Amino acid sequence: MPEDNFGFGGAAVRSTADKLRAIRPAEVAPPLPVMDRIDAIADSHGFTSREASAPSTSRPPVYRRKRQTGPTIPITTRLPERVAAAFIGFCEENRLAYWEGIEEMMKRLDIPCE
């Protein structure tokens, strides 16, 4: 009889009770390394933690937005592609939000917006 490489040969002979008795718990996984040690190794290789740390009193936090817009009104408009492309290009070149682009053009045309 050929050798049973896949474990099917004795399947008909073994009872369910025998199969259950053969089940053994897996070995316990090794404990996870201590996080302080991992952080020390990471620091030695130049990595810095991205986790939130205690707030520093030496300098205030830096906020991305510099201007408050105040109350807003949504304006929806349809533009010809050539006008939209030019406006979007103007805003991208000057690093402006669309509302800031409109405000800048109004200033250049001496139209008060206050």
Protein backbone atom coordinates (compact mmCIF):
# COMPACT_ATOMS: atom_id res chain seq x y z
CA MET A 1 0.00 0.00 0.00
CA PRO A 2 1.38 3.43 -0.88
CA GLU A 3 2.50 5.82 1.85
CA ASP A 4 -0.25 8.23 3.04
CA ASN A 5 1.31 11.70 2.57
CA PHE A 6 -1.94 13.66 3.01
CA GLY A 7 -3.45 12.02 6.11
CA PHE A 8 -6.49 10.45 4.47
CA GLY A 9 -5.56 6.79 5.10
CA GLY A 10 -6.77 6.50 8.70
CA ALA A 11 -9.73 8.86 8.40
CA ALA A 12 -12.32 6.10 8.12
CA VAL A 13 -10.97 4.25 11.16
CA ARG A 14 -10.70 7.20 13.60
CA SER A 15 -13.83 8.24 15.46
CA THR A 16 -14.80 11.80 16.21
CA ALA A 17 -13.95 11.27 19.86
CA ASP A 18 -10.45 10.12 18.89
CA LYS A 19 -10.03 13.18 16.69
CA LEU A 20 -11.12 15.49 19.52
CA ARG A 21 -8.74 13.80 21.96
CA ALA A 22 -5.90 14.41 19.50
CA ILE A 23 -6.43 18.21 19.53
CA ARG A 24 -3.75 19.95 21.60
CA PRO A 25 -3.49 23.68 22.35
CA ALA A 26 -0.96 25.62 20.34
CA GLU A 27 2.23 26.75 21.99
CA VAL A 28 2.04 30.10 23.70
CA ALA A 29 3.34 32.90 21.50
CA PRO A 30 6.49 34.59 22.79
CA PRO A 31 5.83 37.85 24.66
CA LEU A 32 5.94 41.03 22.64
CA PRO A 33 9.12 43.10 23.02
CA VAL A 34 9.02 46.04 25.39
CA MET A 35 7.97 49.23 23.59
CA ASP A 36 10.66 51.32 25.30
CA ARG A 37 13.33 49.08 23.81
CA ILE A 38 11.71 49.33 20.35
CA ASP A 39 11.57 53.14 20.65
CA ALA A 40 15.23 53.27 21.68
CA ILE A 41 16.25 51.19 18.66
CA ALA A 42 14.11 53.36 16.36
CA ASP A 43 15.67 56.53 17.80
CA SER A 44 19.15 55.15 17.24
CA HIS A 45 18.29 54.70 13.55
CA GLY A 46 16.88 58.22 13.18
CA PHE A 47 13.15 57.44 13.35
CA THR A 48 10.91 59.70 15.40
CA SER A 49 7.59 58.88 16.98
CA ARG A 50 4.44 60.14 15.28
CA GLU A 51 2.37 59.61 18.41
CA ALA A 52 1.03 62.64 20.19
CA SER A 53 3.37 63.78 22.92
CA ALA A 54 2.87 66.09 25.84
CA PRO A 55 2.33 69.69 24.71
CA SER A 56 5.49 71.73 24.65
CA THR A 57 5.50 75.05 26.47
CA SER A 58 8.41 76.42 24.45
CA ARG A 59 6.47 77.18 21.26
CA PRO A 60 2.79 77.44 20.35
CA PRO A 61 1.25 74.98 17.89
CA VAL A 62 1.39 75.92 14.22
CA TYR A 63 -1.97 76.14 12.48
CA ARG A 64 -2.26 75.73 8.70
CA ARG A 65 -5.09 78.17 8.13
CA LYS A 66 -4.07 81.75 8.69
CA ARG A 67 -7.30 83.56 7.87
CA GLN A 68 -10.80 83.09 9.11
CA THR A 69 -13.42 83.40 6.43
CA GLY A 70 -16.32 84.25 8.72
CA PRO A 71 -19.87 83.51 7.58
CA THR A 72 -20.04 82.05 4.09
CA ILE A 73 -22.53 81.96 1.23
CA PRO A 74 -22.35 79.15 -1.33
CA ILE A 75 -22.13 80.35 -4.92
CA THR A 76 -22.50 77.89 -7.76
CA THR A 77 -21.74 78.94 -11.30
CA ARG A 78 -21.07 77.40 -14.68
CA LEU A 79 -18.02 78.70 -16.47
CA PRO A 80 -16.72 78.11 -19.96
CA GLU A 81 -13.76 75.73 -19.82
CA ARG A 82 -11.29 78.38 -20.95
CA VAL A 83 -12.37 80.78 -18.16
CA ALA A 84 -12.39 78.02 -15.52
CA ALA A 85 -8.94 76.80 -16.60
CA ALA A 86 -7.51 80.31 -16.44
CA PHE A 87 -9.06 80.96 -13.02
CA ILE A 88 -7.88 77.65 -11.58
CA GLY A 89 -4.40 78.30 -12.98
CA PHE A 90 -4.37 81.76 -11.39
CA CYS A 91 -5.32 80.29 -8.01
CA GLU A 92 -2.74 77.51 -8.23
CA GLU A 93 0.07 79.85 -9.27
CA ASN A 94 -0.70 82.19 -6.37
CA ARG A 95 -1.49 79.38 -3.89
CA LEU A 96 -4.98 80.73 -3.27
CA ALA A 97 -8.26 79.10 -2.44
CA TYR A 98 -10.96 79.92 -4.99
CA TRP A 99 -12.59 82.44 -2.67
CA GLU A 100 -9.19 84.07 -2.12
CA GLY A 101 -8.69 84.21 -5.90
CA ILE A 102 -11.99 86.03 -6.34
CA GLU A 103 -11.09 88.39 -3.50
CA GLU A 104 -7.66 89.08 -5.05
CA MET A 105 -9.18 89.89 -8.45
CA MET A 106 -11.70 92.22 -6.80
CA LYS A 107 -8.85 94.04 -5.03
CA ARG A 108 -6.97 94.40 -8.33
CA LEU A 109 -10.12 95.91 -9.88
CA ASP A 110 -10.59 98.26 -6.87
CA ILE A 111 -13.93 96.67 -6.01
CA PRO A 112 -14.47 96.89 -2.23
CA CYS A 113 -15.42 93.61 -0.61
CA GLU A 114 -15.72 94.69 3.01
